[in-house]
Amino acid sequence: QLGIIAYNAEANACQCNPEKSVDEFEKEAYTRVMNNINNATSTSVGWALLLTVMTVVIWVIFIFLGFIKNPKGIVKVLVTFGSFALLLLIIFFATRADAVPTELAEVLDKNNVAYDTFGYNLASWGITTSIVLIGLAVLSWIGGGIYGIIKK
């Protein structure tokens, strides 16, 4: 009886037809939830891409302004940029896989989640890159503190 009450309450809230079967209602609810998830995912990916593009544009602007202020400093900027690009490439090739791991693929298939190798590689690369860059930031922070103590 509680299921029928909940079904009728949901049907009335959604202005659905209470005469529909529970299976039809579940299919509609599933479709509605999946559409909400897909819309939220699209929005998140859109914002991530927008922020990435903005970051690259700001980075290029600052490189250009730095070159105008100090033309000899461009070598330092190019070495830094090259080192960063090389680090990203090394991480990309180190984390690249030819297929999604079997255990993960089984779980994704069981839950009807679409996946592909490119998406898996991209996520793996992003996570590993984040970990490496956080590690470098912590090491730089510690190294800067030690350097400051030694320099005094």
C-alpha atoms as a PDB file:
ATOM      1  CA  GLN A   1       0.000   0.000   0.000  1.00  0.00           C
ATOM      2  CA  LEU A   2       2.856   2.398   0.749  1.00  0.00           C
ATOM      3  CA  GLY A   3       4.199   1.776  -2.753  1.00  0.00           C
ATOM      4  CA  ILE A   4       0.832   2.647  -4.259  1.00  0.00           C
ATOM      5  CA  ILE A   5       0.576   5.781  -2.110  1.00  0.00           C
ATOM      6  CA  ALA A   6       4.101   6.840  -3.089  1.00  0.00           C
ATOM      7  CA  TYR A   7       3.359   6.070  -6.730  1.00  0.00           C
ATOM      8  CA  ASN A   8       0.150   8.125  -6.661  1.00  0.00           C
ATOM      9  CA  ALA A   9       1.874  10.998  -4.827  1.00  0.00           C
ATOM     10  CA  GLU A  10       4.668  11.040  -7.403  1.00  0.00           C
ATOM     11  CA  ALA A  11       2.180  10.754 -10.257  1.00  0.00           C
ATOM     12  CA  ASN A  12       0.190  13.695  -8.910  1.00  0.00           C
ATOM     13  CA  ALA A  13       3.326  15.750  -8.272  1.00  0.00           C
ATOM     14  CA  CYS A  14       4.527  15.111 -11.820  1.00  0.00           C
ATOM     15  CA  GLN A  15       1.050  15.592 -13.246  1.00  0.00           C
ATOM     16  CA  CYS A  16       1.352  12.102 -14.639  1.00  0.00           C
ATOM     17  CA  ASN A  17      -1.503   9.822 -15.500  1.00  0.00           C
ATOM     18  CA  PRO A  18      -2.276   7.742 -12.382  1.00  0.00           C
ATOM     19  CA  GLU A  19      -3.807   5.104 -14.642  1.00  0.00           C
ATOM     20  CA  LYS A  20      -0.372   4.167 -16.002  1.00  0.00           C
ATOM     21  CA  SER A  21       1.228   0.972 -14.865  1.00  0.00           C
ATOM     22  CA  VAL A  22       4.070   1.023 -12.378  1.00  0.00           C
ATOM     23  CA  ASP A  23       6.445  -0.197 -15.098  1.00  0.00           C
ATOM     24  CA  GLU A  24       5.552   2.718 -17.375  1.00  0.00           C
ATOM     25  CA  PHE A  25       5.968   5.152 -14.510  1.00  0.00           C
ATOM     26  CA  GLU A  26       9.359   3.646 -13.592  1.00  0.00           C
ATOM     27  CA  LYS A  27      10.522   3.950 -17.201  1.00  0.00           C
ATOM     28  CA  GLU A  28       9.477   7.613 -17.283  1.00  0.00           C
ATOM     29  CA  ALA A  29      11.136   8.287 -13.920  1.00  0.00           C
ATOM     30  CA  TYR A  30      14.321   6.519 -15.058  1.00  0.00           C
ATOM     31  CA  THR A  31      14.372   8.542 -18.277  1.00  0.00           C
ATOM     32  CA  ARG A  32      13.814  11.775 -16.342  1.00  0.00           C
ATOM     33  CA  VAL A  33      16.614  10.992 -13.878  1.00  0.00           C
ATOM     34  CA  MET A  34      19.036   9.982 -16.648  1.00  0.00           C
ATOM     35  CA  ASN A  35      18.248  13.197 -18.554  1.00  0.00           C
ATOM     36  CA  ASN A  36      18.967  15.211 -15.404  1.00  0.00           C
ATOM     37  CA  ILE A  37      22.275  13.382 -14.930  1.00  0.00           C
ATOM     38  CA  ASN A  38      23.253  13.904 -18.576  1.00  0.00           C
ATOM     39  CA  ASN A  39      22.357  17.606 -18.411  1.00  0.00           C
ATOM     40  CA  ALA A  40      24.379  18.065 -15.216  1.00  0.00           C
ATOM     41  CA  THR A  41      27.337  16.239 -16.759  1.00  0.00           C
ATOM     42  CA  SER A  42      27.178  18.350 -19.905  1.00  0.00           C
ATOM     43  CA  THR A  43      27.103  21.517 -17.820  1.00  0.00           C
ATOM     44  CA  SER A  44      30.090  20.405 -15.728  1.00  0.00           C
ATOM     45  CA  VAL A  45      32.127  19.456 -18.778  1.00  0.00           C
ATOM     46  CA  GLY A  46      31.220  22.758 -20.444  1.00  0.00           C
ATOM     47  CA  TRP A  47      32.416  24.752 -17.442  1.00  0.00           C
ATOM     48  CA  ALA A  48      35.619  22.712 -17.232  1.00  0.00           C
ATOM     49  CA  LEU A  49      36.367  23.383 -20.899  1.00  0.00           C
ATOM     50  CA  LEU A  50      35.553  27.083 -20.544  1.00  0.00           C
ATOM     51  CA  LEU A  51      37.838  27.456 -17.520  1.00  0.00           C
ATOM     52  CA  THR A  52      40.618  25.565 -19.300  1.00  0.00           C
ATOM     53  CA  VAL A  53      40.385  27.809 -22.359  1.00  0.00           C
ATOM     54  CA  MET A  54      40.323  30.921 -20.158  1.00  0.00           C
ATOM     55  CA  THR A  55      43.405  29.702 -18.284  1.00  0.00           C
ATOM     56  CA  VAL A  56      45.328  29.086 -21.503  1.00  0.00           C
ATOM     57  CA  VAL A  57      44.324  32.498 -22.903  1.00  0.00           C
ATOM     58  CA  ILE A  58      45.397  34.279 -19.706  1.00  0.00           C
ATOM     59  CA  TRP A  59      48.647  32.295 -19.696  1.00  0.00           C
ATOM     60  CA  VAL A  60      49.415  33.319 -23.294  1.00  0.00           C
ATOM     61  CA  ILE A  61      48.591  36.971 -22.518  1.00  0.00           C
ATOM     62  CA  PHE A  62      50.984  36.984 -19.557  1.00  0.00           C
ATOM     63  CA  ILE A  63      53.714  35.328 -21.635  1.00  0.00           C
ATOM     64  CA  PHE A  64      53.255  37.995 -24.305  1.00  0.00           C
ATOM     65  CA  LEU A  65      53.305  40.818 -21.725  1.00  0.00           C
ATOM     66  CA  GLY A  66      56.399  39.318 -20.104  1.00  0.00           C
ATOM     67  CA  PHE A  67      58.119  39.191 -23.479  1.00  0.00           C
ATOM     68  CA  ILE A  68      57.307  42.862 -24.110  1.00  0.00           C
ATOM     69  CA  LYS A  69      58.692  43.898 -20.701  1.00  0.00           C
ATOM     70  CA  ASN A  70      61.783  41.670 -20.844  1.00  0.00           C
ATOM     71  CA  PRO A  71      62.647  40.210 -24.270  1.00  0.00           C
ATOM     72  CA  LYS A  72      65.605  38.264 -22.841  1.00  0.00           C
ATOM     73  CA  GLY A  73      63.297  36.520 -20.375  1.00  0.00           C
ATOM     74  CA  ILE A  74      61.528  34.651 -23.178  1.00  0.00           C
ATOM     75  CA  VAL A  75      64.128  31.862 -22.960  1.00  0.00           C
ATOM     76  CA  LYS A  76      63.154  31.210 -19.342  1.00  0.00           C
ATOM     77  CA  VAL A  77      59.457  31.200 -20.295  1.00  0.00           C
ATOM     78  CA  LEU A  78      60.054  28.810 -23.200  1.00  0.00           C
ATOM     79  CA  VAL A  79      62.093  26.448 -21.009  1.00  0.00           C
ATOM     80  CA  THR A  80      59.348  26.481 -18.375  1.00  0.00           C
ATOM     81  CA  PHE A  81      56.626  25.908 -20.974  1.00  0.00           C
ATOM     82  CA  GLY A  82      58.642  23.147 -22.658  1.00  0.00           C
ATOM     83  CA  SER A  83      59.302  21.414 -19.336  1.00  0.00           C
ATOM     84  CA  PHE A  84      55.617  21.556 -18.435  1.00  0.00           C
ATOM     85  CA  ALA A  85      54.565  20.218 -21.856  1.00  0.00           C
ATOM     86  CA  LEU A  86      57.161  17.441 -21.596  1.00  0.00           C
ATOM     87  CA  LEU A  87      55.882  16.505 -18.129  1.00  0.00           C
ATOM     88  CA  LEU A  88      52.312  16.316 -19.465  1.00  0.00           C
ATOM     89  CA  LEU A  89      53.401  14.117 -22.382  1.00  0.00           C
ATOM     90  CA  ILE A  90      55.370  11.783 -20.110  1.00  0.00           C
ATOM     91  CA  ILE A  91      52.378  11.402 -17.790  1.00  0.00           C
ATOM     92  CA  PHE A  92      50.041  10.858 -20.758  1.00  0.00           C
ATOM     93  CA  PHE A  93      52.111   8.028 -22.205  1.00  0.00           C
ATOM     94  CA  ALA A  94      52.775   6.526 -18.766  1.00  0.00           C
ATOM     95  CA  THR A  95      49.046   6.311 -17.959  1.00  0.00           C
ATOM     96  CA  ARG A  96      47.800   5.314 -21.416  1.00  0.00           C
ATOM     97  CA  ALA A  97      45.991   1.975 -21.621  1.00  0.00           C
ATOM     98  CA  ASP A  98      44.852  -0.062 -24.612  1.00  0.00           C
ATOM     99  CA  ALA A  99      41.627  -1.101 -22.891  1.00  0.00           C
ATOM    100  CA  VAL A 100      39.535  -0.298 -19.852  1.00  0.00           C
ATOM    101  CA  PRO A 101      40.486  -2.690 -17.001  1.00  0.00           C
ATOM    102  CA  THR A 102      38.234  -5.754 -16.905  1.00  0.00           C
ATOM    103  CA  GLU A 103      37.020  -5.208 -13.329  1.00  0.00           C
ATOM    104  CA  LEU A 104      36.023  -1.618 -14.076  1.00  0.00           C
ATOM    105  CA  ALA A 105      34.392  -2.588 -17.383  1.00  0.00           C
ATOM    106  CA  GLU A 106      32.299  -5.248 -15.623  1.00  0.00           C
ATOM    107  CA  VAL A 107      31.060  -2.758 -13.022  1.00  0.00           C
ATOM    108  CA  LEU A 108      30.277  -0.146 -15.677  1.00  0.00           C
ATOM    109  CA  ASP A 109      28.440  -2.703 -17.840  1.00  0.00           C
ATOM    110  CA  LYS A 110      26.474  -3.946 -14.826  1.00  0.00           C
ATOM    111  CA  ASN A 111      25.319  -0.385 -14.098  1.00  0.00           C
ATOM    112  CA  ASN A 112      24.593   0.436 -17.766  1.00  0.00           C
ATOM    113  CA  VAL A 113      27.259   3.153 -17.884  1.00  0.00           C
ATOM    114  CA  ALA A 114      28.678   4.005 -21.291  1.00  0.00           C
ATOM    115  CA  TYR A 115      32.469   4.145 -21.454  1.00  0.00           C
ATOM    116  CA  ASP A 116      35.321   4.088 -23.927  1.00  0.00           C
ATOM    117  CA  THR A 117      39.089   3.778 -23.833  1.00  0.00           C
ATOM    118  CA  PHE A 118      39.657   7.441 -24.716  1.00  0.00           C
ATOM    119  CA  GLY A 119      37.541   8.622 -21.788  1.00  0.00           C
ATOM    120  CA  TYR A 120      39.290   6.207 -19.446  1.00  0.00           C
ATOM    121  CA  ASN A 121      42.721   7.384 -20.627  1.00  0.00           C
ATOM    122  CA  LEU A 122      41.726  11.042 -20.335  1.00  0.00           C
ATOM    123  CA  ALA A 123      40.424  10.582 -16.784  1.00  0.00           C
ATOM    124  CA  SER A 124      43.473   8.546 -15.792  1.00  0.00           C
ATOM    125  CA  TRP A 125      45.794  11.168 -17.274  1.00  0.00           C
ATOM    126  CA  GLY A 126      43.957  14.011 -15.503  1.00  0.00           C
ATOM    127  CA  ILE A 127      44.011  12.311 -12.119  1.00  0.00           C
ATOM    128  CA  THR A 128      47.686  11.355 -12.404  1.00  0.00           C
ATOM    129  CA  THR A 129      48.638  14.835 -13.627  1.00  0.00           C
ATOM    130  CA  SER A 130      46.829  16.386 -10.666  1.00  0.00           C
ATOM    131  CA  ILE A 131      48.636  14.114  -8.217  1.00  0.00           C
ATOM    132  CA  VAL A 132      52.046  14.832  -9.785  1.00  0.00           C
ATOM    133  CA  LEU A 133      51.465  18.611  -9.858  1.00  0.00           C
ATOM    134  CA  ILE A 134      50.240  18.624  -6.248  1.00  0.00           C
ATOM    135  CA  GLY A 135      53.360  16.655  -5.291  1.00  0.00           C
ATOM    136  CA  LEU A 136      55.582  19.140  -7.138  1.00  0.00           C
ATOM    137  CA  ALA A 137      53.822  22.047  -5.421  1.00  0.00           C
ATOM    138  CA  VAL A 138      54.366  20.497  -1.979  1.00  0.00           C
ATOM    139  CA  LEU A 139      58.024  19.762  -2.765  1.00  0.00           C
ATOM    140  CA  SER A 140      58.497  23.343  -4.009  1.00  0.00           C
ATOM    141  CA  TRP A 141      56.875  24.675  -0.863  1.00  0.00           C
ATOM    142  CA  ILE A 142      59.133  22.580   1.371  1.00  0.00           C
ATOM    143  CA  GLY A 143      62.189  23.298  -0.785  1.00  0.00           C
ATOM    144  CA  GLY A 144      61.485  27.035  -0.718  1.00  0.00           C
ATOM    145  CA  GLY A 145      61.286  26.961   3.070  1.00  0.00           C
ATOM    146  CA  ILE A 146      64.541  25.048   3.374  1.00  0.00           C
ATOM    147  CA  TYR A 147      66.226  27.362   0.858  1.00  0.00           C
ATOM    148  CA  GLY A 148      65.021  30.388   2.847  1.00  0.00           C
ATOM    149  CA  ILE A 149      66.488  28.949   6.060  1.00  0.00           C
ATOM    150  CA  ILE A 150      69.826  28.109   4.430  1.00  0.00           C
ATOM    151  CA  LYS A 151      70.061  31.478   2.669  1.00  0.00           C
ATOM    152  CA  LYS A 152      69.756  33.370   5.982  1.00  0.00           C
END
